[in-house]
Amino acid sequence: MSHSVRARMTLLYGGFFALITIGVPLAALGFQALVVGHGGAVCTEADCPDPPMDEPRDGGRITTLVAIAVIVVLAFAVCWWLTGRMLRPLHRITDAARRLSLSTLHERIALTGPDDELRRLADTFDAMLDRLERAASSQRRFVANASHELRTPLAVQRTAIEVGLADPTPERLERIRAELLSNTLRSERIIDGLLQLANGERGPDAPAPVELATVVRQVVAEHPTGAVTVRTALTPVTVLGDEVMLAQMVSNLVRNAIRYNVPDGGVQVVLLEKGELTISNSGPRVAEETAGELFEPFRSRSRDGAGLGLSIVAAIVRAHGGTVTLRPNPEGGLTVRVCLPPHPM
């Protein structure tokens, strides 16, 4: 493709230069063919007497034509060289795209030179490679963590079974039975979380208007708060999406805000008309530099969870065209802000 573009550009600019180079002398020769006669009359060479020194003039014309031919050839050669130089960055971009694979995502074009369209194209391609490299790295970490999380309960179950077979006393078998049941439930939670994460990343199949305030109110009412006080300030707002997925997103946030709290702590749930949902709690302090990592899978685990709650939240929010941010509170706890585009009724 690049060679055809180079050839077309060479023919275009070289032909234009050749047209000018040949056209101007031909126009001059045509003008010289008109000879002004005596008394102001105009005649052509066929009507007027032959001018003297025809042979030198013919020789000059031949020399002129040869010079024009040489200039035209040089013009096409220069145009071919210039277009090749202009298209050289495209060759680098094409080569980088051709080499692109999971093992070469670290390579960059790093084009230097003037800030023109080709430089911006190369920078855009490098930015795309940055995003692909981060996505691939995140996927590798996710697969490794998921494999570890799924393998751990299986290893514990195997050990418990081997111990029970070695000494099958009633008391030991009862403890092993309880341990096997606990690890099985943990494996189920991990698998359910992975399925929810996959569904959240896929997005809603048939988006429909959802009254978000009603969803939040129902979710808060369904969660036992214990000694934690939950306060709500909900403004009616309609968003476009899947009601079940949005309820799952709110449920994960409310459950985490209640679970990771201090005794007699509080949770504040605020929903604004512009589609902004804010959930903050009075939990333990969280370092600013580690807050953003909580959205990654298996970063925060508890005995009753799989470490996928906030990852599912982020996936559902992105699938609904929104954004989610997390900020540690100075006095302790976290504030999670979800912004979803409101749907006009």
Protein backbone atom coordinates (compact mmCIF):
# COMPACT_ATOMS: atom_id res chain seq x y z
CA MET A 1 0.00 0.00 0.00
CA SER A 2 2.79 2.41 0.91
CA HIS A 3 4.52 1.76 -2.43
CA SER A 4 1.32 2.52 -4.34
CA VAL A 5 0.87 5.73 -2.36
CA ARG A 6 4.49 6.62 -3.07
CA ALA A 7 4.01 5.93 -6.80
CA ARG A 8 0.82 7.96 -6.95
CA MET A 9 2.40 10.91 -5.17
CA THR A 10 5.44 10.71 -7.47
CA LEU A 11 3.28 10.66 -10.60
CA LEU A 12 1.13 13.49 -9.29
CA TYR A 13 3.89 15.90 -8.30
CA GLY A 14 6.33 14.80 -11.00
CA GLY A 15 3.64 15.11 -13.67
CA PHE A 16 2.68 18.55 -12.43
CA PHE A 17 6.31 19.69 -12.53
CA ALA A 18 6.77 18.13 -15.99
CA LEU A 19 3.66 19.90 -17.25
CA ILE A 20 5.04 23.24 -16.13
CA THR A 21 8.54 22.46 -17.43
CA ILE A 22 7.30 21.42 -20.88
CA GLY A 23 4.37 23.79 -21.14
CA VAL A 24 6.30 27.01 -20.61
CA PRO A 25 8.88 26.42 -23.42
CA LEU A 26 6.16 25.20 -25.78
CA ALA A 27 4.18 28.32 -25.12
CA ALA A 28 7.29 30.40 -25.78
CA LEU A 29 7.96 28.55 -29.05
CA GLY A 30 4.38 29.07 -30.13
CA PHE A 31 4.66 32.73 -29.41
CA GLN A 32 7.87 32.96 -31.40
CA ALA A 33 6.06 31.34 -34.35
CA LEU A 34 4.15 34.57 -34.80
CA VAL A 35 6.20 37.08 -36.67
CA VAL A 36 5.22 40.67 -36.80
CA GLY A 37 5.25 41.87 -40.46
CA HIS A 38 5.88 45.27 -41.86
CA GLY A 39 3.37 47.97 -41.05
CA GLY A 40 2.14 46.12 -37.91
CA ALA A 41 0.65 43.11 -39.80
CA VAL A 42 0.90 39.75 -38.10
CA CYS A 43 1.86 36.67 -40.05
CA THR A 44 3.00 33.17 -39.35
CA GLU A 45 6.24 31.50 -40.35
CA ALA A 46 4.49 29.90 -43.35
CA ASP A 47 3.46 33.32 -44.75
CA CYS A 48 6.55 35.34 -43.91
CA PRO A 49 10.04 35.07 -45.36
CA ASP A 50 12.28 32.46 -43.77
CA PRO A 51 14.41 34.00 -41.07
CA PRO A 52 18.12 33.60 -41.32
CA MET A 53 20.21 31.10 -39.35
CA ASP A 54 17.65 28.21 -39.34
CA GLU A 55 20.22 25.54 -38.48
CA PRO A 56 21.46 27.15 -35.24
CA ARG A 57 17.87 27.68 -34.17
CA ASP A 58 17.00 24.03 -34.83
CA GLY A 59 20.04 22.96 -32.84
CA GLY A 60 18.93 25.14 -29.95
CA ARG A 61 15.50 23.57 -30.00
CA ILE A 62 17.01 20.08 -29.83
CA THR A 63 19.20 21.13 -26.93
CA THR A 64 16.18 22.61 -25.18
CA LEU A 65 14.14 19.43 -25.64
CA VAL A 66 17.00 17.28 -24.32
CA ALA A 67 17.38 19.56 -21.31
CA ILE A 68 13.65 19.39 -20.66
CA ALA A 69 13.72 15.59 -20.81
CA VAL A 70 16.63 15.45 -18.36
CA ILE A 71 14.88 17.88 -16.01
CA VAL A 72 11.67 15.84 -16.11
CA VAL A 73 13.54 12.63 -15.31
CA LEU A 74 15.35 14.35 -12.45
CA ALA A 75 12.04 15.78 -11.23
CA PHE A 76 10.48 12.32 -11.06
CA ALA A 77 13.56 10.96 -9.28
CA VAL A 78 13.50 13.78 -6.72
CA CYS A 79 9.75 13.32 -6.17
CA TRP A 80 10.27 9.59 -5.66
CA TRP A 81 12.99 10.25 -3.08
CA LEU A 82 11.00 12.95 -1.26
CA THR A 83 7.82 10.89 -1.05
CA GLY A 84 9.82 7.94 0.26
CA ARG A 85 11.30 10.15 2.95
CA MET A 86 7.87 11.54 3.82
CA LEU A 87 6.36 8.05 4.07
CA ARG A 88 9.23 6.61 6.13
CA PRO A 89 7.35 7.09 9.45
CA LEU A 90 4.45 5.13 8.01
CA HIS A 91 6.84 2.26 7.30
CA ARG A 92 7.88 2.30 10.97
CA ILE A 93 4.26 2.26 12.11
CA THR A 94 3.46 -0.57 9.69
CA ASP A 95 6.45 -2.61 10.86
CA ALA A 96 5.47 -2.09 14.51
CA ALA A 97 1.90 -3.19 13.79
CA ARG A 98 3.17 -6.25 11.90
CA ARG A 99 5.38 -7.28 14.84
CA LEU A 100 2.63 -6.69 17.39
CA SER A 101 2.03 -9.62 19.74
CA LEU A 102 1.82 -10.29 23.47
CA SER A 103 5.61 -10.63 23.60
CA THR A 104 6.29 -7.31 21.81
CA LEU A 105 3.83 -5.00 23.58
CA HIS A 106 6.77 -3.25 25.25
CA GLU A 107 8.10 -1.95 21.91
CA ARG A 108 7.32 1.64 20.90
CA ILE A 109 7.70 3.64 17.69
CA ALA A 110 9.02 6.73 19.54
CA LEU A 111 8.96 8.83 16.39
CA THR A 112 11.00 12.05 16.53
CA GLY A 113 10.82 15.11 14.35
CA PRO A 114 8.32 17.89 13.77
CA ASP A 115 4.95 17.77 15.49
CA ASP A 116 2.98 16.99 12.35
CA GLU A 117 0.22 14.53 11.45
CA LEU A 118 2.61 11.58 11.17
CA ARG A 119 4.15 12.34 14.57
CA ARG A 120 0.70 12.53 16.16
CA LEU A 121 -0.27 9.25 14.47
CA ALA A 122 2.82 7.54 15.89
CA ASP A 123 2.18 8.99 19.37
CA THR A 124 -1.42 7.75 19.21
CA PHE A 125 -0.19 4.29 18.23
CA ASP A 126 2.28 4.31 21.15
CA ALA A 127 -0.51 5.34 23.53
CA MET A 128 -2.60 2.43 22.26
CA LEU A 129 0.32 0.08 22.92
CA ASP A 130 0.56 1.45 26.47
CA ARG A 131 -3.09 0.62 27.08
CA LEU A 132 -2.72 -2.84 25.55
CA GLU A 133 0.35 -3.55 27.66
CA ARG A 134 -1.43 -2.52 30.86
CA ALA A 135 -4.47 -4.61 29.93
CA ALA A 136 -2.35 -7.67 29.16
CA SER A 137 -0.40 -7.25 32.39
CA SER A 138 -3.62 -6.90 34.36
CA GLN A 139 -5.02 -10.00 32.69
CA ARG A 140 -1.92 -12.02 33.54
CA ARG A 141 -2.12 -10.93 37.19
CA PHE A 142 -5.82 -11.75 37.26
CA VAL A 143 -5.29 -15.26 35.86
CA ALA A 144 -2.44 -15.91 38.29
CA ASN A 145 -4.45 -14.66 41.29
CA ALA A 146 -7.58 -16.54 40.24
CA SER A 147 -5.58 -19.74 39.82
CA HIS A 148 -4.03 -19.28 43.25
CA GLU A 149 -7.37 -18.52 44.91
CA LEU A 150 -9.02 -21.56 43.36
CA ARG A 151 -6.09 -23.86 44.04
CA THR A 152 -5.79 -22.98 47.74
CA PRO A 153 -9.17 -24.43 48.84
CA LEU A 154 -8.54 -27.54 46.76
CA ALA A 155 -5.15 -28.04 48.41
CA VAL A 156 -6.69 -27.62 51.86
CA GLN A 157 -9.42 -30.12 51.02
CA ARG A 158 -6.90 -32.64 49.77
CA THR A 159 -4.83 -32.31 52.93
CA ALA A 160 -7.90 -32.68 55.13
CA ILE A 161 -9.01 -35.79 53.28
CA GLU A 162 -5.54 -37.37 53.54
CA VAL A 163 -5.42 -36.65 57.28
CA GLY A 164 -8.90 -38.07 57.76
CA LEU A 165 -8.03 -41.24 55.91
CA ALA A 166 -4.88 -41.68 57.97
CA ASP A 167 -6.71 -41.39 61.30
CA PRO A 168 -10.48 -41.70 60.78
CA THR A 169 -11.66 -41.02 64.33
CA PRO A 170 -15.19 -39.59 64.74
CA GLU A 171 -13.95 -36.29 66.18
CA ARG A 172 -11.38 -35.80 63.43
CA LEU A 173 -13.89 -36.69 60.73
CA GLU A 174 -16.32 -34.12 62.12
CA ARG A 175 -13.66 -31.39 61.98
CA ILE A 176 -12.67 -32.44 58.48
CA ARG A 177 -16.30 -32.36 57.37
CA ALA A 178 -16.70 -28.79 58.64
CA GLU A 179 -13.41 -27.76 57.02
CA LEU A 180 -14.38 -29.30 53.68
CA LEU A 181 -17.74 -27.54 53.78
CA SER A 182 -16.07 -24.19 54.55
CA ASN A 183 -13.59 -24.54 51.70
CA THR A 184 -16.31 -25.64 49.29
CA LEU A 185 -18.34 -22.55 50.14
CA ARG A 186 -15.25 -20.40 49.61
CA SER A 187 -14.67 -21.94 46.19
CA GLU A 188 -18.31 -21.29 45.30
CA ARG A 189 -17.96 -17.63 46.32
CA ILE A 190 -14.88 -17.24 44.15
CA ILE A 191 -16.56 -18.86 41.14
CA ASP A 192 -19.71 -16.77 41.63
CA GLY A 193 -17.56 -13.65 41.86
CA LEU A 194 -15.72 -14.52 38.66
CA LEU A 195 -19.03 -15.06 36.87
CA GLN A 196 -20.37 -11.74 38.14
CA LEU A 197 -17.17 -10.02 37.03
CA ALA A 198 -17.48 -11.52 33.55
CA ASN A 199 -21.14 -10.48 33.30
CA GLY A 200 -20.30 -6.99 34.52
CA GLU A 201 -17.60 -6.52 31.90
CA ARG A 202 -19.96 -7.75 29.18
CA GLY A 203 -22.55 -5.12 30.05
CA PRO A 204 -26.35 -5.16 29.88
CA ASP A 205 -27.95 -7.10 27.04
CA ALA A 206 -31.12 -4.97 26.88
CA PRO A 207 -30.63 -1.61 28.65
CA ALA A 208 -33.81 -0.09 30.07
CA PRO A 209 -34.63 2.98 32.20
CA VAL A 210 -33.93 2.22 35.87
CA GLU A 211 -35.00 4.35 38.83
CA LEU A 212 -31.70 4.32 40.70
CA ALA A 213 -33.06 5.78 43.96
CA THR A 214 -35.53 2.90 44.26
CA VAL A 215 -32.76 0.36 43.66
CA VAL A 216 -30.51 1.95 46.30
CA ARG A 217 -33.36 2.13 48.82
CA GLN A 218 -34.22 -1.55 48.35
CA VAL A 219 -30.59 -2.67 48.58
CA VAL A 220 -29.97 -0.71 51.80
CA ALA A 221 -33.13 -2.17 53.35
CA GLU A 222 -32.02 -5.73 52.55
CA HIS A 223 -28.61 -5.48 54.26
CA PRO A 224 -28.37 -6.08 58.00
CA THR A 225 -26.49 -3.17 59.53
CA GLY A 226 -25.83 -4.50 63.03
CA ALA A 227 -24.28 -1.75 65.14
CA VAL A 228 -23.53 0.39 62.07
CA THR A 229 -25.84 3.33 61.37
CA VAL A 230 -26.76 3.82 57.71
CA ARG A 231 -28.09 7.21 56.61
CA THR A 232 -29.45 7.89 53.14
CA ALA A 233 -30.23 11.02 51.13
CA LEU A 234 -31.65 9.89 47.81
CA THR A 235 -32.76 12.13 44.95
CA PRO A 236 -34.85 10.47 42.23
CA VAL A 237 -32.79 9.92 39.08
CA THR A 238 -33.24 7.59 36.12
CA VAL A 239 -30.33 5.85 34.41
CA LEU A 240 -30.20 3.51 31.44
CA GLY A 241 -28.97 0.02 32.18
CA ASP A 242 -29.70 -3.35 33.75
CA GLU A 243 -31.52 -3.20 37.09
CA VAL A 244 -30.06 -6.47 38.39
CA MET A 245 -26.48 -5.43 37.60
CA LEU A 246 -26.97 -1.98 39.13
CA ALA A 247 -28.43 -3.59 42.25
CA GLN A 248 -25.38 -5.87 42.42
CA MET A 249 -23.10 -2.84 42.16
CA VAL A 250 -24.90 -0.97 44.97
CA SER A 251 -25.05 -4.13 47.09
CA ASN A 252 -21.29 -4.67 46.88
CA LEU A 253 -20.62 -1.08 47.91
CA VAL A 254 -23.09 -1.08 50.80
CA ARG A 255 -21.93 -4.48 52.05
CA ASN A 256 -18.27 -3.40 52.01
CA ALA A 257 -19.11 -0.11 53.75
CA ILE A 258 -20.87 -2.02 56.54
CA ARG A 259 -18.36 -4.88 56.79
CA TYR A 260 -15.18 -2.78 56.81
CA ASN A 261 -16.29 -0.39 59.53
CA VAL A 262 -15.57 0.37 63.16
CA PRO A 263 -17.85 -0.53 66.09
CA ASP A 264 -20.82 1.85 66.23
CA GLY A 265 -19.63 3.37 62.96
CA GLY A 266 -21.69 4.98 60.24
CA VAL A 267 -22.38 4.77 56.52
CA GLN A 268 -23.59 7.69 54.43
CA VAL A 269 -25.36 7.00 51.11
CA VAL A 270 -26.09 10.05 48.93
CA LEU A 271 -27.64 10.05 45.46
CA LEU A 272 -27.77 13.28 43.47
CA GLU A 273 -30.00 14.19 40.55
CA LYS A 274 -27.05 14.20 38.13
CA GLY A 275 -26.54 10.46 38.65
CA GLU A 276 -23.79 10.70 41.26
CA LEU A 277 -23.90 8.04 43.99
CA THR A 278 -21.58 8.54 46.96
CA ILE A 279 -21.10 5.94 49.70
CA SER A 280 -18.74 6.73 52.58
CA ASN A 281 -18.06 4.94 55.85
CA SER A 282 -16.11 5.42 59.06
CA GLY A 283 -13.89 2.40 58.73
CA PRO A 284 -10.17 2.01 59.39
CA ARG A 285 -7.63 4.27 57.75
CA VAL A 286 -6.49 3.41 54.23
CA ALA A 287 -3.22 4.61 52.71
CA GLU A 288 -3.65 7.01 49.80
CA GLU A 289 -1.15 5.15 47.62
CA THR A 290 -2.94 1.81 47.99
CA ALA A 291 -6.52 3.03 47.60
CA GLY A 292 -6.55 2.71 43.81
CA GLU A 293 -5.39 -0.92 44.00
CA LEU A 294 -8.60 -1.94 45.79
CA PHE A 295 -10.38 -2.12 42.43
CA GLU A 296 -8.04 -4.88 41.26
CA PRO A 297 -9.25 -8.47 41.73
CA PHE A 298 -8.23 -10.32 44.93
CA ARG A 299 -6.63 -7.20 46.45
CA SER A 300 -8.90 -7.18 49.50
CA ARG A 301 -10.05 -10.50 50.93
CA SER A 302 -11.96 -11.46 54.04
CA ARG A 303 -13.17 -14.71 55.50
CA ASP A 304 -16.62 -14.19 53.97
CA GLY A 305 -15.54 -12.70 50.65
CA ALA A 306 -13.55 -13.49 47.55
CA GLY A 307 -11.83 -10.13 46.99
CA LEU A 308 -13.83 -9.37 43.85
CA GLY A 309 -16.49 -6.96 45.13
CA LEU A 310 -14.92 -3.68 44.04
CA SER A 311 -13.68 -5.22 40.79
CA ILE A 312 -17.28 -6.17 39.98
CA VAL A 313 -18.39 -2.63 40.87
CA ALA A 314 -15.84 -1.08 38.51
CA ALA A 315 -16.78 -3.47 35.68
CA ILE A 316 -20.52 -2.76 36.03
CA VAL A 317 -19.99 1.00 36.18
CA ARG A 318 -17.79 1.00 33.07
CA ALA A 319 -20.32 -1.17 31.22
CA HIS A 320 -22.98 1.48 31.97
CA GLY A 321 -20.83 4.32 30.64
CA GLY A 322 -19.95 5.70 34.07
CA THR A 323 -16.91 6.30 36.24
CA VAL A 324 -16.01 5.20 39.75
CA THR A 325 -13.42 6.71 42.07
CA LEU A 326 -12.26 5.84 45.58
CA ARG A 327 -10.83 8.28 48.11
CA PRO A 328 -9.65 7.61 51.69
CA ASN A 329 -11.27 9.80 54.34
CA PRO A 330 -8.88 11.78 56.56
CA GLU A 331 -10.54 10.46 59.74
CA GLY A 332 -10.70 6.89 58.44
CA GLY A 333 -12.80 4.90 56.04
CA LEU A 334 -13.41 5.35 52.35
CA THR A 335 -15.60 7.39 50.03
CA VAL A 336 -16.63 5.73 46.79
CA ARG A 337 -18.16 7.98 44.14
CA VAL A 338 -20.04 6.46 41.20
CA CYS A 339 -21.12 8.74 38.35
CA LEU A 340 -23.66 7.35 35.88
CA PRO A 341 -25.09 9.32 32.96
CA PRO A 342 -28.73 10.23 33.76
CA HIS A 343 -31.36 9.12 31.28
CA PRO A 344 -33.86 11.84 30.27
CA MET A 345 -37.45 10.75 30.66
